[in-house]
């Protein structure tokens, strides 16, 4: 299972314990660098990005967590499988 996490603050929420790949997206390079320095879990990938346009391919993730938007957001629908 591949999970996209919107916002560095949600990266350790534990909602994706069974995920094989976790993609953390945040608009702040400093926040992403902080997370990278704190954790060396190989399942994590860190990308600059945020809504309304995510830097992910179509149908790339199984779920998206951390978003403070409606579940039927077109961008979230685009990136979910």
C-alpha atoms as a PDB file:
ATOM      1  CA  UNK A   1       0.000   0.000   0.000  1.00  0.00           C
ATOM      2  CA  UNK A   2       1.259   3.482  -0.937  1.00  0.00           C
ATOM      3  CA  UNK A   3       0.124   6.466   1.177  1.00  0.00           C
ATOM      4  CA  UNK A   4       0.477  10.199   0.493  1.00  0.00           C
ATOM      5  CA  UNK A   5       0.698  12.385   3.597  1.00  0.00           C
ATOM      6  CA  UNK A   6      -0.206  16.038   3.103  1.00  0.00           C
ATOM      7  CA  UNK A   7       1.772  18.103   5.577  1.00  0.00           C
ATOM      8  CA  UNK A   8       4.891  17.254   7.559  1.00  0.00           C
ATOM      9  CA  UNK A   9       2.891  17.584  10.787  1.00  0.00           C
ATOM     10  CA  UNK A  10       0.941  14.440   9.857  1.00  0.00           C
ATOM     11  CA  UNK A  11       3.976  12.331   8.947  1.00  0.00           C
ATOM     12  CA  UNK A  12       4.068  10.437  12.242  1.00  0.00           C
ATOM     13  CA  UNK A  13       0.343  10.097  12.949  1.00  0.00           C
ATOM     14  CA  UNK A  14       0.480   6.320  12.682  1.00  0.00           C
ATOM     15  CA  UNK A  15      -2.545   6.092  10.371  1.00  0.00           C
ATOM     16  CA  UNK A  16      -0.448   4.176   7.852  1.00  0.00           C
ATOM     17  CA  UNK A  17       1.406   1.592   9.922  1.00  0.00           C
ATOM     18  CA  UNK A  18       0.880  -1.098   7.257  1.00  0.00           C
ATOM     19  CA  UNK A  19       2.038   1.052   4.344  1.00  0.00           C
ATOM     20  CA  UNK A  20       4.909  -0.145   2.188  1.00  0.00           C
ATOM     21  CA  UNK A  21       5.630   3.371   0.901  1.00  0.00           C
ATOM     22  CA  UNK A  22       4.840   6.726   2.528  1.00  0.00           C
ATOM     23  CA  UNK A  23       5.179   9.925   0.517  1.00  0.00           C
ATOM     24  CA  UNK A  24       5.244  13.073   2.656  1.00  0.00           C
ATOM     25  CA  UNK A  25       4.384  16.284   0.824  1.00  0.00           C
ATOM     26  CA  UNK A  26       4.971  19.704   2.350  1.00  0.00           C
ATOM     27  CA  UNK A  27       5.613  23.185   0.920  1.00  0.00           C
ATOM     28  CA  UNK A  28       8.488  23.822   3.354  1.00  0.00           C
ATOM     29  CA  UNK A  29      11.980  22.516   2.527  1.00  0.00           C
ATOM     30  CA  UNK A  30      12.970  23.115   6.169  1.00  0.00           C
ATOM     31  CA  UNK A  31      10.176  20.873   7.463  1.00  0.00           C
ATOM     32  CA  UNK A  32      11.077  18.108   5.039  1.00  0.00           C
ATOM     33  CA  UNK A  33      14.767  18.362   5.974  1.00  0.00           C
ATOM     34  CA  UNK A  34      13.833  18.170   9.665  1.00  0.00           C
ATOM     35  CA  UNK A  35      11.835  14.988   9.082  1.00  0.00           C
ATOM     36  CA  UNK A  36      14.616  13.465   7.009  1.00  0.00           C
ATOM     37  CA  UNK A  37      17.135  14.163   9.782  1.00  0.00           C
ATOM     38  CA  UNK A  38      14.859  12.653  12.444  1.00  0.00           C
ATOM     39  CA  UNK A  39      13.874   9.436  10.716  1.00  0.00           C
ATOM     40  CA  UNK A  40      15.703   7.015   8.481  1.00  0.00           C
ATOM     41  CA  UNK A  41      12.768   4.730   7.703  1.00  0.00           C
ATOM     42  CA  UNK A  42      13.306   3.584   4.087  1.00  0.00           C
ATOM     43  CA  UNK A  43       9.537   3.572   3.443  1.00  0.00           C
ATOM     44  CA  UNK A  44       9.461   7.387   3.524  1.00  0.00           C
ATOM     45  CA  UNK A  45       9.944   9.700   0.549  1.00  0.00           C
ATOM     46  CA  UNK A  46       9.837  13.489   0.977  1.00  0.00           C
ATOM     47  CA  UNK A  47       8.555  15.829  -1.741  1.00  0.00           C
ATOM     48  CA  UNK A  48       7.902  19.542  -1.978  1.00  0.00           C
ATOM     49  CA  UNK A  49       4.227  20.005  -2.718  1.00  0.00           C
ATOM     50  CA  UNK A  50       0.758  20.838  -1.484  1.00  0.00           C
ATOM     51  CA  UNK A  51      -2.786  21.211  -2.734  1.00  0.00           C
ATOM     52  CA  UNK A  52      -4.240  22.328  -5.074  1.00  0.00           C
ATOM     53  CA  UNK A  53      -1.714  20.527  -7.328  1.00  0.00           C
ATOM     54  CA  UNK A  54       0.220  17.511  -6.047  1.00  0.00           C
ATOM     55  CA  UNK A  55       3.455  16.391  -7.742  1.00  0.00           C
ATOM     56  CA  UNK A  56       2.234  12.807  -8.104  1.00  0.00           C
ATOM     57  CA  UNK A  57       1.186  10.732 -11.108  1.00  0.00           C
ATOM     58  CA  UNK A  58      -2.444   9.801 -11.708  1.00  0.00           C
ATOM     59  CA  UNK A  59      -3.715   6.854  -9.642  1.00  0.00           C
ATOM     60  CA  UNK A  60      -0.406   6.611  -7.766  1.00  0.00           C
ATOM     61  CA  UNK A  61      -1.487   6.205  -4.103  1.00  0.00           C
ATOM     62  CA  UNK A  62      -3.944   4.020  -2.258  1.00  0.00           C
ATOM     63  CA  UNK A  63      -4.862   6.699   0.265  1.00  0.00           C
ATOM     64  CA  UNK A  64      -4.233  10.311   1.202  1.00  0.00           C
ATOM     65  CA  UNK A  65      -4.061  11.451   4.820  1.00  0.00           C
ATOM     66  CA  UNK A  66      -3.669  14.818   6.447  1.00  0.00           C
ATOM     67  CA  UNK A  67      -5.721  16.767   3.945  1.00  0.00           C
ATOM     68  CA  UNK A  68      -8.086  19.355   5.324  1.00  0.00           C
ATOM     69  CA  UNK A  69     -10.222  19.243   2.207  1.00  0.00           C
ATOM     70  CA  UNK A  70     -13.309  17.416   1.064  1.00  0.00           C
ATOM     71  CA  UNK A  71     -12.872  13.760   0.131  1.00  0.00           C
ATOM     72  CA  UNK A  72     -14.190  14.455  -3.373  1.00  0.00           C
ATOM     73  CA  UNK A  73     -11.479  17.044  -4.115  1.00  0.00           C
ATOM     74  CA  UNK A  74     -10.571  16.569  -7.809  1.00  0.00           C
ATOM     75  CA  UNK A  75      -6.820  16.492  -7.148  1.00  0.00           C
ATOM     76  CA  UNK A  76      -7.185  13.857  -4.435  1.00  0.00           C
ATOM     77  CA  UNK A  77      -9.373  11.779  -6.724  1.00  0.00           C
ATOM     78  CA  UNK A  78      -6.745  12.106  -9.469  1.00  0.00           C
ATOM     79  CA  UNK A  79      -3.850  10.749  -7.402  1.00  0.00           C
ATOM     80  CA  UNK A  80      -5.800   7.943  -5.680  1.00  0.00           C
ATOM     81  CA  UNK A  81      -6.105   4.482  -7.222  1.00  0.00           C
END
